[in-house]
Amino acid sequence: MSYWDDEKPVVADTGKNVIELYQNAGKLAISRPSWTDDAGEVRRGKTVVLDLGAVKTSPEAVQIVKTIAGSL
């Protein structure tokens, strides 16, 4: 099974993005808002996933994340 099936994420909806933290899986997903297609089906917005374990292995990536967090 996939981590998104096994784990309930912590979710924050900003209105422009949906941020989901899968703590156990070490993944951070950022999506555009969901939308409804012409058939009336709700579709998930385009999504990117950040592998937090990979970020930890790169000092440059860690610095970028710290810079972002520090500016909030």
N, C-alpha and C. Protein backbone atom coordinates (compact mmCIF):
# COMPACT_ATOMS: atom_id res chain seq x y z
N MET A 1 0.83 -1.19 0.00
CA MET A 1 0.00 0.00 0.00
C MET A 1 0.87 1.25 0.00
N SER A 2 0.30 2.31 -0.45
CA SER A 2 0.99 3.59 -0.50
C SER A 2 0.83 4.33 0.82
N TYR A 3 1.80 5.19 1.11
CA TYR A 3 1.77 5.92 2.38
C TYR A 3 0.50 6.76 2.51
N TRP A 4 -0.04 7.28 1.41
CA TRP A 4 -1.23 8.11 1.49
C TRP A 4 -2.47 7.28 1.80
N ASP A 5 -2.39 5.96 1.59
CA ASP A 5 -3.49 5.07 1.98
C ASP A 5 -3.34 4.62 3.43
N ASP A 6 -2.09 4.54 3.90
CA ASP A 6 -1.81 4.02 5.24
C ASP A 6 -1.83 5.08 6.34
N GLU A 7 -1.60 6.32 5.97
CA GLU A 7 -1.40 7.37 6.98
C GLU A 7 -2.32 8.56 6.72
N LYS A 8 -2.91 9.06 7.79
CA LYS A 8 -3.72 10.28 7.69
C LYS A 8 -2.78 11.47 7.89
N PRO A 9 -2.73 12.37 6.91
CA PRO A 9 -1.80 13.50 7.04
C PRO A 9 -2.35 14.62 7.91
N VAL A 10 -1.45 15.48 8.36
CA VAL A 10 -1.84 16.75 8.94
C VAL A 10 -2.05 17.67 7.74
N VAL A 11 -3.21 18.34 7.67
CA VAL A 11 -3.58 19.10 6.48
C VAL A 11 -3.80 20.57 6.83
N ALA A 12 -3.31 21.44 5.95
CA ALA A 12 -3.57 22.87 6.04
C ALA A 12 -4.00 23.33 4.66
N ASP A 13 -5.17 23.95 4.58
CA ASP A 13 -5.70 24.46 3.32
C ASP A 13 -5.62 25.98 3.36
N THR A 14 -4.79 26.57 2.51
CA THR A 14 -4.61 28.02 2.51
C THR A 14 -5.58 28.73 1.59
N GLY A 15 -6.34 27.96 0.83
CA GLY A 15 -7.22 28.55 -0.18
C GLY A 15 -6.55 28.56 -1.55
N LYS A 16 -5.23 28.71 -1.56
CA LYS A 16 -4.47 28.67 -2.82
C LYS A 16 -3.67 27.39 -2.94
N ASN A 17 -3.38 26.76 -1.80
CA ASN A 17 -2.65 25.50 -1.75
C ASN A 17 -3.24 24.62 -0.67
N VAL A 18 -3.01 23.32 -0.81
CA VAL A 18 -3.32 22.37 0.25
C VAL A 18 -1.99 21.71 0.61
N ILE A 19 -1.60 21.81 1.87
CA ILE A 19 -0.34 21.26 2.34
C ILE A 19 -0.66 20.06 3.23
N GLU A 20 -0.01 18.94 2.94
CA GLU A 20 -0.25 17.71 3.70
C GLU A 20 1.10 17.16 4.17
N LEU A 21 1.21 16.96 5.47
CA LEU A 21 2.42 16.38 6.05
C LEU A 21 2.13 14.94 6.44
N TYR A 22 2.85 14.02 5.82
CA TYR A 22 2.80 12.61 6.16
C TYR A 22 4.02 12.34 7.03
N GLN A 23 3.87 12.54 8.33
CA GLN A 23 4.99 12.50 9.27
C GLN A 23 5.70 11.16 9.25
N ASN A 24 4.96 10.07 9.35
CA ASN A 24 5.59 8.74 9.41
C ASN A 24 6.31 8.40 8.11
N ALA A 25 5.77 8.81 6.99
CA ALA A 25 6.38 8.53 5.69
C ALA A 25 7.49 9.51 5.34
N GLY A 26 7.53 10.63 6.05
CA GLY A 26 8.55 11.64 5.76
C GLY A 26 8.30 12.34 4.44
N LYS A 27 7.05 12.65 4.15
CA LYS A 27 6.68 13.30 2.89
C LYS A 27 5.87 14.56 3.17
N LEU A 28 6.12 15.59 2.37
CA LEU A 28 5.35 16.82 2.41
C LEU A 28 4.76 17.04 1.03
N ALA A 29 3.43 17.02 0.93
CA ALA A 29 2.75 17.21 -0.35
C ALA A 29 2.15 18.60 -0.40
N ILE A 30 2.33 19.27 -1.52
CA ILE A 30 1.74 20.58 -1.73
C ILE A 30 0.94 20.53 -3.02
N SER A 31 -0.35 20.88 -2.93
CA SER A 31 -1.26 20.76 -4.07
C SER A 31 -1.95 22.08 -4.36
N ARG A 32 -2.34 22.23 -5.61
CA ARG A 32 -3.28 23.30 -5.93
C ARG A 32 -4.63 22.85 -5.41
N PRO A 33 -5.58 23.75 -5.26
CA PRO A 33 -6.90 23.34 -4.73
C PRO A 33 -7.59 22.33 -5.63
N SER A 34 -8.45 21.53 -5.03
CA SER A 34 -9.26 20.59 -5.79
C SER A 34 -10.21 21.38 -6.68
N TRP A 35 -10.65 20.74 -7.76
CA TRP A 35 -11.54 21.40 -8.71
C TRP A 35 -12.55 20.38 -9.22
N THR A 36 -13.63 20.86 -9.80
CA THR A 36 -14.70 20.00 -10.31
C THR A 36 -14.67 20.03 -11.83
N ASP A 37 -14.64 18.83 -12.43
CA ASP A 37 -14.60 18.76 -13.90
C ASP A 37 -16.00 18.89 -14.49
N ASP A 38 -16.08 18.85 -15.81
CA ASP A 38 -17.36 19.03 -16.50
C ASP A 38 -18.38 17.95 -16.16
N ALA A 39 -17.91 16.77 -15.74
CA ALA A 39 -18.80 15.68 -15.37
C ALA A 39 -19.24 15.77 -13.92
N GLY A 40 -18.76 16.78 -13.20
CA GLY A 40 -19.14 16.97 -11.80
C GLY A 40 -18.27 16.22 -10.82
N GLU A 41 -17.19 15.59 -11.30
CA GLU A 41 -16.28 14.87 -10.41
C GLU A 41 -15.27 15.83 -9.81
N VAL A 42 -15.02 15.67 -8.51
CA VAL A 42 -14.02 16.48 -7.83
C VAL A 42 -12.65 15.89 -8.14
N ARG A 43 -11.74 16.72 -8.59
CA ARG A 43 -10.39 16.29 -8.95
C ARG A 43 -9.38 16.96 -8.03
N ARG A 44 -8.36 16.23 -7.69
CA ARG A 44 -7.28 16.77 -6.88
C ARG A 44 -6.44 17.70 -7.75
N GLY A 45 -6.02 18.82 -7.20
CA GLY A 45 -5.17 19.74 -7.93
C GLY A 45 -3.78 19.14 -8.15
N LYS A 46 -3.04 19.72 -9.07
CA LYS A 46 -1.68 19.25 -9.32
C LYS A 46 -0.90 19.26 -8.02
N THR A 47 -0.09 18.22 -7.84
CA THR A 47 0.59 18.00 -6.56
C THR A 47 2.06 17.71 -6.77
N VAL A 48 2.89 18.25 -5.90
CA VAL A 48 4.30 17.87 -5.81
C VAL A 48 4.55 17.34 -4.40
N VAL A 49 5.48 16.40 -4.30
CA VAL A 49 5.79 15.79 -3.01
C VAL A 49 7.28 15.95 -2.73
N LEU A 50 7.58 16.44 -1.55
CA LEU A 50 8.95 16.62 -1.11
C LEU A 50 9.30 15.47 -0.17
N ASP A 51 10.36 14.74 -0.49
CA ASP A 51 10.85 13.65 0.36
C ASP A 51 11.74 14.28 1.42
N LEU A 52 11.24 14.34 2.64
CA LEU A 52 11.96 15.01 3.72
C LEU A 52 13.23 14.28 4.10
N GLY A 53 13.27 12.97 3.92
CA GLY A 53 14.48 12.21 4.19
C GLY A 53 15.60 12.61 3.24
N ALA A 54 15.26 12.84 1.98
CA ALA A 54 16.25 13.28 1.00
C ALA A 54 16.74 14.69 1.32
N VAL A 55 15.84 15.54 1.80
CA VAL A 55 16.24 16.90 2.17
C VAL A 55 17.29 16.85 3.27
N LYS A 56 17.09 15.97 4.26
CA LYS A 56 18.02 15.88 5.39
C LYS A 56 19.43 15.51 4.95
N THR A 57 19.58 14.84 3.82
CA THR A 57 20.90 14.39 3.37
C THR A 57 21.65 15.47 2.60
N SER A 58 21.01 16.59 2.33
CA SER A 58 21.64 17.65 1.55
C SER A 58 21.70 18.94 2.36
N PRO A 59 22.89 19.37 2.77
CA PRO A 59 22.99 20.62 3.53
C PRO A 59 22.41 21.82 2.78
N GLU A 60 22.56 21.83 1.46
CA GLU A 60 22.00 22.94 0.67
C GLU A 60 20.48 22.95 0.74
N ALA A 61 19.87 21.75 0.66
CA ALA A 61 18.41 21.66 0.74
C ALA A 61 17.91 22.04 2.12
N VAL A 62 18.62 21.61 3.16
CA VAL A 62 18.25 21.97 4.53
C VAL A 62 18.28 23.48 4.69
N GLN A 63 19.31 24.13 4.14
CA GLN A 63 19.42 25.58 4.25
C GLN A 63 18.27 26.29 3.55
N ILE A 64 17.87 25.78 2.39
CA ILE A 64 16.72 26.37 1.68
C ILE A 64 15.46 26.27 2.53
N VAL A 65 15.21 25.10 3.11
CA VAL A 65 14.01 24.91 3.95
C VAL A 65 14.07 25.83 5.17
N LYS A 66 15.25 25.94 5.78
CA LYS A 66 15.38 26.85 6.94
C LYS A 66 15.13 28.30 6.54
N THR A 67 15.61 28.68 5.40
CA THR A 67 15.39 30.06 4.92
C THR A 67 13.89 30.31 4.71
N ILE A 68 13.20 29.36 4.11
CA ILE A 68 11.76 29.50 3.89
C ILE A 68 11.05 29.59 5.24
N ALA A 69 11.36 28.66 6.14
CA ALA A 69 10.70 28.66 7.46
C ALA A 69 10.98 29.93 8.23
N GLY A 70 12.19 30.45 8.13
CA GLY A 70 12.55 31.67 8.83
C GLY A 70 11.86 32.92 8.31
N SER A 71 11.40 32.85 7.06
CA SER A 71 10.73 34.02 6.48
C SER A 71 9.23 34.06 6.75
N LEU A 72 8.71 33.02 7.39
CA LEU A 72 7.26 32.96 7.66
C LEU A 72 6.91 33.67 8.95
